N, C-alpha and C. Protein backbone atom coordinates (compact mmCIF):
# COMPACT_ATOMS: atom_id res chain seq x y z
N MET A 1 -24.77 -38.18 0.14
CA MET A 1 -24.96 -38.30 -1.29
C MET A 1 -26.19 -39.17 -1.60
N LEU A 2 -26.34 -40.24 -0.84
CA LEU A 2 -27.49 -41.13 -1.05
C LEU A 2 -28.79 -40.40 -0.74
N LYS A 3 -28.75 -39.56 0.26
CA LYS A 3 -29.94 -38.76 0.62
C LYS A 3 -30.33 -37.85 -0.55
N ARG A 4 -29.33 -37.29 -1.20
CA ARG A 4 -29.60 -36.42 -2.35
C ARG A 4 -30.23 -37.22 -3.49
N LEU A 5 -29.71 -38.41 -3.75
CA LEU A 5 -30.27 -39.23 -4.83
C LEU A 5 -31.72 -39.60 -4.54
N LEU A 6 -32.01 -39.93 -3.30
CA LEU A 6 -33.39 -40.26 -2.92
C LEU A 6 -34.30 -39.04 -3.05
N GLN A 7 -33.79 -37.87 -2.70
CA GLN A 7 -34.56 -36.64 -2.87
C GLN A 7 -34.82 -36.37 -4.35
N ASP A 8 -33.81 -36.59 -5.17
CA ASP A 8 -34.00 -36.46 -6.62
C ASP A 8 -35.10 -37.40 -7.10
N HIS A 9 -35.10 -38.63 -6.60
CA HIS A 9 -36.14 -39.59 -7.00
C HIS A 9 -37.52 -39.10 -6.60
N LYS A 10 -37.65 -38.49 -5.45
CA LYS A 10 -38.95 -37.93 -5.04
C LYS A 10 -39.38 -36.84 -6.01
N HIS A 11 -38.45 -35.99 -6.40
CA HIS A 11 -38.77 -34.92 -7.34
C HIS A 11 -39.13 -35.48 -8.71
N ILE A 12 -38.37 -36.44 -9.16
CA ILE A 12 -38.66 -37.07 -10.45
C ILE A 12 -40.03 -37.75 -10.41
N SER A 13 -40.37 -38.37 -9.28
CA SER A 13 -41.69 -39.01 -9.14
C SER A 13 -42.81 -38.00 -9.28
N ILE A 14 -42.63 -36.82 -8.73
CA ILE A 14 -43.64 -35.76 -8.87
C ILE A 14 -43.86 -35.46 -10.35
N LEU A 15 -42.77 -35.33 -11.08
CA LEU A 15 -42.87 -35.02 -12.51
C LEU A 15 -43.46 -36.19 -13.30
N LEU A 16 -43.10 -37.40 -12.93
CA LEU A 16 -43.68 -38.57 -13.61
C LEU A 16 -45.17 -38.66 -13.35
N ASN A 17 -45.61 -38.29 -12.17
CA ASN A 17 -47.04 -38.28 -11.87
C ASN A 17 -47.78 -37.27 -12.75
N ILE A 18 -47.15 -36.13 -12.98
CA ILE A 18 -47.75 -35.13 -13.87
C ILE A 18 -47.82 -35.68 -15.29
N LEU A 19 -46.74 -36.32 -15.73
CA LEU A 19 -46.77 -36.93 -17.07
C LEU A 19 -47.86 -37.99 -17.17
N ALA A 20 -48.05 -38.76 -16.10
CA ALA A 20 -49.10 -39.78 -16.10
C ALA A 20 -50.48 -39.13 -16.21
N GLN A 21 -50.68 -38.03 -15.52
CA GLN A 21 -51.95 -37.31 -15.62
C GLN A 21 -52.17 -36.79 -17.04
N LYS A 22 -51.12 -36.25 -17.63
CA LYS A 22 -51.22 -35.74 -19.01
C LYS A 22 -51.51 -36.89 -19.98
N ARG A 23 -50.88 -38.02 -19.75
CA ARG A 23 -51.12 -39.19 -20.60
C ARG A 23 -52.58 -39.62 -20.50
N GLN A 24 -53.13 -39.63 -19.28
CA GLN A 24 -54.54 -40.01 -19.10
C GLN A 24 -55.47 -39.05 -19.83
N LEU A 25 -55.19 -37.76 -19.70
CA LEU A 25 -56.01 -36.76 -20.39
C LEU A 25 -55.93 -36.94 -21.90
N LEU A 26 -54.74 -37.14 -22.39
CA LEU A 26 -54.53 -37.34 -23.82
C LEU A 26 -55.25 -38.60 -24.29
N SER A 27 -55.15 -39.66 -23.53
CA SER A 27 -55.79 -40.92 -23.87
C SER A 27 -57.31 -40.76 -23.92
N ALA A 28 -57.84 -39.92 -23.03
CA ALA A 28 -59.28 -39.68 -22.98
C ALA A 28 -59.75 -38.70 -24.04
N GLY A 29 -58.80 -38.16 -24.80
CA GLY A 29 -59.17 -37.23 -25.87
C GLY A 29 -59.24 -35.78 -25.41
N SER A 30 -58.81 -35.51 -24.19
CA SER A 30 -58.80 -34.14 -23.69
C SER A 30 -57.54 -33.42 -24.17
N GLY A 31 -57.61 -32.12 -24.16
CA GLY A 31 -56.45 -31.32 -24.52
C GLY A 31 -55.42 -31.33 -23.40
N VAL A 32 -54.18 -31.29 -23.76
CA VAL A 32 -53.10 -31.23 -22.77
C VAL A 32 -52.14 -30.11 -23.15
N ASP A 33 -51.43 -29.63 -22.17
CA ASP A 33 -50.42 -28.60 -22.39
C ASP A 33 -49.11 -29.31 -22.72
N PHE A 34 -48.80 -29.38 -23.99
CA PHE A 34 -47.60 -30.09 -24.42
C PHE A 34 -46.32 -29.36 -23.99
N LYS A 35 -46.43 -28.07 -23.69
CA LYS A 35 -45.26 -27.34 -23.22
C LYS A 35 -44.84 -27.84 -21.84
N VAL A 36 -45.80 -28.19 -21.01
CA VAL A 36 -45.49 -28.75 -19.69
C VAL A 36 -44.79 -30.10 -19.86
N ILE A 37 -45.32 -30.92 -20.76
CA ILE A 37 -44.70 -32.21 -21.03
C ILE A 37 -43.27 -32.01 -21.53
N ARG A 38 -43.11 -31.09 -22.47
CA ARG A 38 -41.78 -30.80 -23.00
C ARG A 38 -40.83 -30.34 -21.89
N ASP A 39 -41.31 -29.46 -21.01
CA ASP A 39 -40.45 -28.96 -19.94
C ASP A 39 -40.03 -30.07 -18.98
N ILE A 40 -40.92 -30.99 -18.72
CA ILE A 40 -40.58 -32.12 -17.84
C ILE A 40 -39.52 -33.00 -18.51
N VAL A 41 -39.73 -33.30 -19.77
CA VAL A 41 -38.78 -34.14 -20.49
C VAL A 41 -37.43 -33.42 -20.62
N GLU A 42 -37.48 -32.13 -20.84
CA GLU A 42 -36.23 -31.35 -20.91
C GLU A 42 -35.51 -31.34 -19.57
N TYR A 43 -36.26 -31.24 -18.49
CA TYR A 43 -35.65 -31.32 -17.15
C TYR A 43 -34.91 -32.65 -17.00
N MET A 44 -35.55 -33.72 -17.46
CA MET A 44 -34.91 -35.03 -17.36
C MET A 44 -33.61 -35.05 -18.16
N GLN A 45 -33.58 -34.37 -19.29
CA GLN A 45 -32.36 -34.30 -20.08
C GLN A 45 -31.30 -33.44 -19.41
N VAL A 46 -31.71 -32.29 -18.92
CA VAL A 46 -30.75 -31.33 -18.36
C VAL A 46 -30.21 -31.79 -17.01
N TYR A 47 -31.08 -32.24 -16.14
CA TYR A 47 -30.63 -32.58 -14.78
C TYR A 47 -30.36 -34.07 -14.59
N ALA A 48 -31.34 -34.89 -14.86
CA ALA A 48 -31.17 -36.32 -14.57
C ALA A 48 -30.04 -36.93 -15.40
N GLU A 49 -29.97 -36.59 -16.67
CA GLU A 49 -28.97 -37.21 -17.53
C GLU A 49 -27.57 -36.62 -17.37
N HIS A 50 -27.47 -35.40 -16.88
CA HIS A 50 -26.16 -34.75 -16.79
C HIS A 50 -25.62 -34.62 -15.38
N SER A 51 -26.45 -34.90 -14.37
CA SER A 51 -25.95 -34.85 -13.00
C SER A 51 -26.38 -36.08 -12.21
N HIS A 52 -27.67 -36.31 -12.11
CA HIS A 52 -28.18 -37.40 -11.28
C HIS A 52 -27.62 -38.76 -11.69
N HIS A 53 -27.80 -39.15 -12.94
CA HIS A 53 -27.33 -40.46 -13.39
C HIS A 53 -25.80 -40.58 -13.36
N PRO A 54 -25.06 -39.58 -13.78
CA PRO A 54 -23.59 -39.70 -13.65
C PRO A 54 -23.12 -39.88 -12.21
N VAL A 55 -23.80 -39.24 -11.26
CA VAL A 55 -23.44 -39.42 -9.85
C VAL A 55 -23.72 -40.86 -9.43
N GLU A 56 -24.86 -41.39 -9.85
CA GLU A 56 -25.15 -42.80 -9.56
C GLU A 56 -24.09 -43.72 -10.16
N ASP A 57 -23.68 -43.41 -11.38
CA ASP A 57 -22.65 -44.22 -12.04
C ASP A 57 -21.33 -44.18 -11.27
N ILE A 58 -20.97 -43.02 -10.78
CA ILE A 58 -19.73 -42.88 -10.01
C ILE A 58 -19.81 -43.70 -8.73
N ILE A 59 -20.94 -43.62 -8.04
CA ILE A 59 -21.11 -44.36 -6.79
C ILE A 59 -21.07 -45.86 -7.08
N PHE A 60 -21.76 -46.29 -8.12
CA PHE A 60 -21.80 -47.71 -8.45
C PHE A 60 -20.41 -48.22 -8.82
N SER A 61 -19.69 -47.44 -9.61
CA SER A 61 -18.33 -47.83 -9.99
C SER A 61 -17.44 -47.94 -8.76
N TYR A 62 -17.54 -46.99 -7.87
CA TYR A 62 -16.77 -47.02 -6.63
C TYR A 62 -17.13 -48.25 -5.81
N PHE A 63 -18.45 -48.50 -5.69
CA PHE A 63 -18.93 -49.65 -4.92
C PHE A 63 -18.39 -50.96 -5.48
N THR A 64 -18.48 -51.14 -6.79
CA THR A 64 -18.02 -52.40 -7.38
C THR A 64 -16.51 -52.56 -7.22
N ALA A 65 -15.77 -51.47 -7.30
CA ALA A 65 -14.32 -51.55 -7.10
C ALA A 65 -13.98 -51.90 -5.65
N GLN A 66 -14.68 -51.29 -4.71
CA GLN A 66 -14.41 -51.53 -3.29
C GLN A 66 -14.84 -52.92 -2.84
N SER A 67 -15.99 -53.34 -3.32
CA SER A 67 -16.56 -54.61 -2.83
C SER A 67 -16.16 -55.79 -3.70
N LYS A 68 -15.51 -55.50 -4.80
CA LYS A 68 -15.14 -56.54 -5.77
C LYS A 68 -16.39 -57.23 -6.32
N ALA A 69 -17.51 -56.53 -6.27
CA ALA A 69 -18.75 -57.06 -6.82
C ALA A 69 -18.66 -57.06 -8.34
N VAL A 70 -19.37 -57.95 -8.95
CA VAL A 70 -19.38 -58.04 -10.40
C VAL A 70 -20.26 -56.93 -10.94
N ASN A 71 -19.72 -56.16 -11.86
CA ASN A 71 -20.47 -55.10 -12.51
C ASN A 71 -21.13 -55.70 -13.74
N ASP A 72 -22.43 -55.93 -13.66
CA ASP A 72 -23.15 -56.53 -14.79
C ASP A 72 -23.56 -55.49 -15.83
N ASN A 73 -23.17 -54.25 -15.62
CA ASN A 73 -23.46 -53.13 -16.53
C ASN A 73 -24.94 -52.83 -16.68
N LYS A 74 -25.78 -53.38 -15.79
CA LYS A 74 -27.21 -53.11 -15.87
C LYS A 74 -27.52 -51.63 -15.66
N LEU A 75 -26.87 -51.02 -14.66
CA LEU A 75 -27.14 -49.61 -14.38
C LEU A 75 -26.76 -48.75 -15.58
N ASP A 76 -25.59 -48.97 -16.12
CA ASP A 76 -25.13 -48.21 -17.28
C ASP A 76 -26.06 -48.43 -18.46
N ALA A 77 -26.46 -49.67 -18.69
CA ALA A 77 -27.36 -49.98 -19.81
C ALA A 77 -28.71 -49.28 -19.63
N GLU A 78 -29.22 -49.28 -18.41
CA GLU A 78 -30.50 -48.60 -18.15
C GLU A 78 -30.37 -47.10 -18.37
N HIS A 79 -29.28 -46.52 -17.90
CA HIS A 79 -29.09 -45.07 -18.09
C HIS A 79 -29.03 -44.73 -19.57
N HIS A 80 -28.35 -45.53 -20.37
CA HIS A 80 -28.30 -45.28 -21.82
C HIS A 80 -29.68 -45.47 -22.46
N LYS A 81 -30.40 -46.47 -22.02
CA LYS A 81 -31.75 -46.71 -22.54
C LYS A 81 -32.67 -45.53 -22.20
N LEU A 82 -32.53 -44.99 -20.99
CA LEU A 82 -33.35 -43.84 -20.59
C LEU A 82 -33.00 -42.60 -21.41
N ILE A 83 -31.72 -42.41 -21.71
CA ILE A 83 -31.32 -41.28 -22.55
C ILE A 83 -31.99 -41.39 -23.91
N GLU A 84 -31.95 -42.57 -24.49
CA GLU A 84 -32.56 -42.78 -25.81
C GLU A 84 -34.07 -42.58 -25.75
N SER A 85 -34.69 -43.10 -24.73
CA SER A 85 -36.13 -42.96 -24.57
C SER A 85 -36.53 -41.50 -24.39
N THR A 86 -35.75 -40.77 -23.61
CA THR A 86 -36.03 -39.35 -23.38
C THR A 86 -35.87 -38.57 -24.68
N GLN A 87 -34.83 -38.87 -25.45
CA GLN A 87 -34.62 -38.20 -26.74
C GLN A 87 -35.78 -38.48 -27.69
N ASN A 88 -36.23 -39.72 -27.74
CA ASN A 88 -37.34 -40.07 -28.62
C ASN A 88 -38.63 -39.36 -28.22
N LEU A 89 -38.89 -39.32 -26.92
CA LEU A 89 -40.10 -38.64 -26.45
C LEU A 89 -40.00 -37.14 -26.74
N MET A 90 -38.84 -36.56 -26.50
CA MET A 90 -38.66 -35.13 -26.79
C MET A 90 -38.87 -34.85 -28.27
N PHE A 91 -38.38 -35.72 -29.12
CA PHE A 91 -38.57 -35.56 -30.56
C PHE A 91 -40.06 -35.53 -30.89
N SER A 92 -40.82 -36.47 -30.34
CA SER A 92 -42.26 -36.53 -30.60
C SER A 92 -42.98 -35.29 -30.09
N ILE A 93 -42.63 -34.87 -28.88
CA ILE A 93 -43.28 -33.68 -28.29
C ILE A 93 -42.96 -32.44 -29.12
N ASN A 94 -41.72 -32.31 -29.57
CA ASN A 94 -41.36 -31.15 -30.39
C ASN A 94 -42.09 -31.17 -31.73
N LEU A 95 -42.32 -32.36 -32.27
CA LEU A 95 -43.12 -32.44 -33.50
C LEU A 95 -44.53 -31.90 -33.25
N VAL A 96 -45.14 -32.32 -32.16
CA VAL A 96 -46.49 -31.86 -31.82
C VAL A 96 -46.49 -30.34 -31.64
N LEU A 97 -45.50 -29.83 -30.91
CA LEU A 97 -45.42 -28.39 -30.69
C LEU A 97 -45.14 -27.61 -31.97
N SER A 98 -44.63 -28.31 -32.98
CA SER A 98 -44.39 -27.68 -34.29
C SER A 98 -45.56 -27.91 -35.24
N ASP A 99 -46.68 -28.36 -34.67
CA ASP A 99 -47.92 -28.60 -35.42
C ASP A 99 -47.82 -29.72 -36.44
N VAL A 100 -46.92 -30.66 -36.22
CA VAL A 100 -46.86 -31.86 -37.04
C VAL A 100 -47.84 -32.86 -36.44
N VAL A 101 -48.68 -33.43 -37.26
CA VAL A 101 -49.70 -34.36 -36.77
C VAL A 101 -49.04 -35.69 -36.41
N LEU A 102 -49.29 -36.11 -35.17
CA LEU A 102 -48.82 -37.41 -34.68
C LEU A 102 -50.03 -38.18 -34.17
N SER A 103 -49.99 -39.46 -34.30
CA SER A 103 -51.06 -40.30 -33.79
C SER A 103 -51.17 -40.15 -32.28
N LYS A 104 -52.39 -39.88 -31.80
CA LYS A 104 -52.62 -39.78 -30.37
C LYS A 104 -52.26 -41.09 -29.69
N ASP A 105 -52.64 -42.20 -30.31
CA ASP A 105 -52.35 -43.52 -29.72
C ASP A 105 -50.85 -43.75 -29.59
N GLN A 106 -50.08 -43.31 -30.60
CA GLN A 106 -48.63 -43.48 -30.54
C GLN A 106 -48.03 -42.63 -29.43
N LEU A 107 -48.52 -41.41 -29.29
CA LEU A 107 -48.02 -40.52 -28.25
C LEU A 107 -48.36 -41.06 -26.86
N VAL A 108 -49.56 -41.58 -26.70
CA VAL A 108 -49.96 -42.19 -25.43
C VAL A 108 -49.07 -43.40 -25.13
N ALA A 109 -48.80 -44.21 -26.14
CA ALA A 109 -47.93 -45.38 -25.96
C ALA A 109 -46.52 -44.95 -25.61
N ASP A 110 -46.01 -43.91 -26.27
CA ASP A 110 -44.66 -43.42 -25.97
C ASP A 110 -44.57 -42.91 -24.54
N LEU A 111 -45.58 -42.18 -24.10
CA LEU A 111 -45.60 -41.68 -22.72
C LEU A 111 -45.68 -42.85 -21.73
N SER A 112 -46.51 -43.83 -22.04
CA SER A 112 -46.65 -45.00 -21.17
C SER A 112 -45.33 -45.75 -21.04
N ASP A 113 -44.67 -45.98 -22.16
CA ASP A 113 -43.38 -46.67 -22.14
C ASP A 113 -42.35 -45.88 -21.34
N TYR A 114 -42.33 -44.59 -21.55
CA TYR A 114 -41.38 -43.72 -20.85
C TYR A 114 -41.61 -43.78 -19.33
N LEU A 115 -42.86 -43.67 -18.94
CA LEU A 115 -43.19 -43.71 -17.51
C LEU A 115 -42.80 -45.05 -16.90
N THR A 116 -43.09 -46.13 -17.61
CA THR A 116 -42.75 -47.46 -17.11
C THR A 116 -41.24 -47.60 -16.94
N GLN A 117 -40.49 -47.20 -17.94
CA GLN A 117 -39.03 -47.30 -17.87
C GLN A 117 -38.47 -46.49 -16.69
N GLN A 118 -38.93 -45.27 -16.55
CA GLN A 118 -38.42 -44.41 -15.49
C GLN A 118 -38.75 -44.99 -14.12
N ARG A 119 -39.97 -45.43 -13.94
CA ARG A 119 -40.38 -45.96 -12.63
C ARG A 119 -39.67 -47.27 -12.30
N GLN A 120 -39.54 -48.15 -13.27
CA GLN A 120 -38.84 -49.41 -13.04
C GLN A 120 -37.36 -49.16 -12.72
N HIS A 121 -36.80 -48.18 -13.36
CA HIS A 121 -35.40 -47.83 -13.12
C HIS A 121 -35.21 -47.33 -11.68
N MET A 122 -36.05 -46.43 -11.25
CA MET A 122 -35.92 -45.91 -9.88
C MET A 122 -36.18 -47.02 -8.86
N GLU A 123 -37.12 -47.89 -9.16
CA GLU A 123 -37.41 -49.01 -8.25
C GLU A 123 -36.18 -49.93 -8.13
N TYR A 124 -35.55 -50.22 -9.24
CA TYR A 124 -34.33 -51.04 -9.24
C TYR A 124 -33.26 -50.40 -8.34
N GLU A 125 -33.05 -49.12 -8.53
CA GLU A 125 -32.03 -48.44 -7.74
C GLU A 125 -32.39 -48.42 -6.25
N GLU A 126 -33.62 -48.06 -5.96
CA GLU A 126 -34.03 -47.91 -4.56
C GLU A 126 -34.13 -49.24 -3.82
N GLN A 127 -34.50 -50.29 -4.52
CA GLN A 127 -34.67 -51.58 -3.86
C GLN A 127 -33.43 -52.46 -3.90
N GLN A 128 -32.59 -52.27 -4.92
CA GLN A 128 -31.43 -53.16 -5.04
C GLN A 128 -30.10 -52.45 -4.81
N LEU A 129 -29.89 -51.32 -5.46
CA LEU A 129 -28.58 -50.69 -5.38
C LEU A 129 -28.38 -49.84 -4.13
N PHE A 130 -29.30 -48.94 -3.86
CA PHE A 130 -29.11 -48.02 -2.74
C PHE A 130 -28.93 -48.75 -1.41
N PRO A 131 -29.69 -49.82 -1.15
CA PRO A 131 -29.44 -50.55 0.11
C PRO A 131 -28.03 -51.15 0.18
N LEU A 132 -27.52 -51.62 -0.96
CA LEU A 132 -26.15 -52.14 -0.98
C LEU A 132 -25.14 -51.03 -0.67
N PHE A 133 -25.36 -49.87 -1.26
CA PHE A 133 -24.46 -48.74 -1.00
C PHE A 133 -24.49 -48.39 0.49
N GLU A 134 -25.68 -48.31 1.02
CA GLU A 134 -25.84 -47.92 2.43
C GLU A 134 -25.20 -48.94 3.37
N GLN A 135 -25.35 -50.19 3.02
CA GLN A 135 -24.84 -51.27 3.87
C GLN A 135 -23.32 -51.42 3.80
N HIS A 136 -22.74 -51.24 2.63
CA HIS A 136 -21.33 -51.59 2.44
C HIS A 136 -20.36 -50.42 2.38
N LEU A 137 -20.83 -49.23 2.10
CA LEU A 137 -19.91 -48.11 1.97
C LEU A 137 -19.75 -47.41 3.32
N THR A 138 -18.51 -47.12 3.65
CA THR A 138 -18.19 -46.48 4.92
C THR A 138 -18.25 -44.96 4.79
N GLU A 139 -18.13 -44.28 5.90
CA GLU A 139 -18.09 -42.82 5.89
C GLU A 139 -16.90 -42.33 5.04
N ALA A 140 -15.77 -43.00 5.17
CA ALA A 140 -14.60 -42.63 4.37
C ALA A 140 -14.87 -42.85 2.88
N ASP A 141 -15.58 -43.93 2.55
CA ASP A 141 -15.95 -44.18 1.15
C ASP A 141 -16.82 -43.04 0.63
N TRP A 142 -17.79 -42.62 1.43
CA TRP A 142 -18.69 -41.55 1.01
C TRP A 142 -17.94 -40.23 0.82
N GLN A 143 -16.92 -40.00 1.63
CA GLN A 143 -16.10 -38.80 1.45
C GLN A 143 -15.36 -38.86 0.11
N ASP A 144 -14.80 -40.02 -0.20
CA ASP A 144 -14.13 -40.21 -1.49
C ASP A 144 -15.12 -40.04 -2.65
N ILE A 145 -16.28 -40.63 -2.49
CA ILE A 145 -17.32 -40.53 -3.53
C ILE A 145 -17.73 -39.08 -3.72
N ASN A 146 -17.92 -38.38 -2.63
CA ASN A 146 -18.31 -36.97 -2.71
C ASN A 146 -17.29 -36.17 -3.51
N GLN A 147 -16.03 -36.42 -3.27
CA GLN A 147 -14.97 -35.74 -4.03
C GLN A 147 -15.05 -36.11 -5.52
N ALA A 148 -15.24 -37.37 -5.78
CA ALA A 148 -15.29 -37.84 -7.17
C ALA A 148 -16.50 -37.29 -7.93
N CYS A 149 -17.56 -36.98 -7.20
CA CYS A 149 -18.80 -36.51 -7.82
C CYS A 149 -18.86 -35.00 -8.04
N GLN A 150 -17.94 -34.27 -7.51
CA GLN A 150 -18.03 -32.80 -7.53
C GLN A 150 -18.20 -32.22 -8.93
N GLN A 151 -17.54 -32.80 -9.92
CA GLN A 151 -17.66 -32.26 -11.28
C GLN A 151 -19.04 -32.49 -11.88
N LYS A 152 -19.74 -33.50 -11.40
CA LYS A 152 -21.05 -33.83 -11.97
C LYS A 152 -22.20 -33.21 -11.18
N LEU A 153 -21.94 -32.78 -9.96
CA LEU A 153 -23.00 -32.23 -9.13
C LEU A 153 -23.37 -30.82 -9.58
N ILE A 154 -24.63 -30.64 -9.89
CA ILE A 154 -25.16 -29.30 -10.18
C ILE A 154 -26.39 -29.11 -9.32
N ASP A 155 -26.72 -27.86 -9.08
CA ASP A 155 -27.96 -27.59 -8.36
C ASP A 155 -29.14 -28.00 -9.22
N ASP A 156 -30.11 -28.59 -8.59
CA ASP A 156 -31.32 -28.98 -9.30
C ASP A 156 -31.96 -27.71 -9.87
N PRO A 157 -32.07 -27.59 -11.18
CA PRO A 157 -32.58 -26.35 -11.78
C PRO A 157 -34.08 -26.12 -11.58
N LEU A 158 -34.78 -27.10 -11.06
CA LEU A 158 -36.22 -26.96 -10.86
C LEU A 158 -36.58 -26.92 -9.39
N PHE A 159 -36.01 -27.77 -8.58
CA PHE A 159 -36.43 -27.93 -7.20
C PHE A 159 -35.51 -27.26 -6.18
N SER A 160 -34.45 -26.61 -6.62
CA SER A 160 -33.60 -25.90 -5.68
C SER A 160 -33.95 -24.41 -5.72
N GLN A 161 -33.36 -23.68 -4.84
CA GLN A 161 -33.67 -22.25 -4.71
C GLN A 161 -32.73 -21.39 -5.56
N THR A 162 -32.45 -21.84 -6.77
CA THR A 162 -31.57 -21.07 -7.65
C THR A 162 -32.39 -20.06 -8.44
N ASP A 163 -31.71 -19.13 -9.03
CA ASP A 163 -32.36 -18.13 -9.89
C ASP A 163 -32.41 -18.58 -11.33
N ASP A 164 -32.22 -19.87 -11.57
CA ASP A 164 -32.20 -20.42 -12.92
C ASP A 164 -33.57 -20.24 -13.55
N ALA A 165 -33.62 -19.53 -14.66
CA ALA A 165 -34.89 -19.25 -15.33
C ALA A 165 -35.28 -20.32 -16.33
N LEU A 166 -34.44 -21.34 -16.50
CA LEU A 166 -34.67 -22.36 -17.51
C LEU A 166 -36.04 -23.03 -17.37
N PHE A 167 -36.43 -23.34 -16.15
CA PHE A 167 -37.69 -24.05 -15.93
C PHE A 167 -38.70 -23.20 -15.18
N GLU A 168 -38.67 -21.90 -15.43
CA GLU A 168 -39.55 -20.98 -14.71
C GLU A 168 -41.03 -21.31 -14.92
N SER A 169 -41.42 -21.61 -16.15
CA SER A 169 -42.84 -21.91 -16.40
C SER A 169 -43.24 -23.23 -15.74
N LEU A 170 -42.33 -24.19 -15.68
CA LEU A 170 -42.63 -25.46 -15.01
C LEU A 170 -42.73 -25.24 -13.50
N LYS A 171 -41.87 -24.39 -12.95
CA LYS A 171 -41.95 -24.05 -11.52
C LYS A 171 -43.31 -23.44 -11.21
N GLU A 172 -43.74 -22.51 -12.06
CA GLU A 172 -45.05 -21.88 -11.87
C GLU A 172 -46.18 -22.91 -11.96
N TYR A 173 -46.06 -23.82 -12.91
CA TYR A 173 -47.07 -24.89 -13.06
C TYR A 173 -47.14 -25.73 -11.78
N LEU A 174 -45.98 -26.11 -11.23
CA LEU A 174 -45.95 -26.92 -10.01
C LEU A 174 -46.56 -26.16 -8.83
N ILE A 175 -46.29 -24.87 -8.72
CA ILE A 175 -46.85 -24.07 -7.64
C ILE A 175 -48.37 -24.01 -7.76
N LYS A 176 -48.86 -23.78 -8.98
CA LYS A 176 -50.31 -23.75 -9.20
C LYS A 176 -50.94 -25.10 -8.88
N ALA A 177 -50.31 -26.18 -9.32
CA ALA A 177 -50.83 -27.52 -9.08
C ALA A 177 -50.87 -27.82 -7.59
N GLU A 178 -49.85 -27.38 -6.85
CA GLU A 178 -49.78 -27.60 -5.42
C GLU A 178 -50.88 -26.84 -4.68
N THR A 179 -51.19 -25.63 -5.12
CA THR A 179 -52.22 -24.84 -4.45
C THR A 179 -53.62 -25.32 -4.79
N ASN A 180 -53.76 -26.09 -5.88
CA ASN A 180 -55.07 -26.61 -6.27
C ASN A 180 -55.37 -27.98 -5.66
N LEU A 181 -54.47 -28.49 -4.84
CA LEU A 181 -54.71 -29.82 -4.23
C LEU A 181 -55.74 -29.74 -3.14
């Protein structure tokens, strides 16, 4: 399960790097494909918020119960903050796609804040939480966790080999970007 979460983080990092590139282009006054930005943000809503983060929450809850560690609610608070941030960014992007004029500076700032939050969140998990899970949870614990996570686990709609058409244009964008490296 931990391996899957780390793989998700690698995939999310790829998308955050694309958002960072789009932010730089926008900041420089260049045109950007807002549909790509929207698709990335939508992916974060569809997959990260409905599968990835709930699985992390289940593991953390299990860990705190097993280890009697104090749950400071930081993980839960960060996940809620990311949901709000993602909703706000999606709102702004949809306004732009609906031809509503938004300040370029505000959009650049929103993207910057979003990127910072996402990256700091993954860093917190990878440097503080995941090592604790790896160190303290046994194979039997992971089996219990796997069972508990089954309702929240979905195939990654972008990076798995599913026939899900939801992110088809983003998949094509990633393939083109990869071949242009």
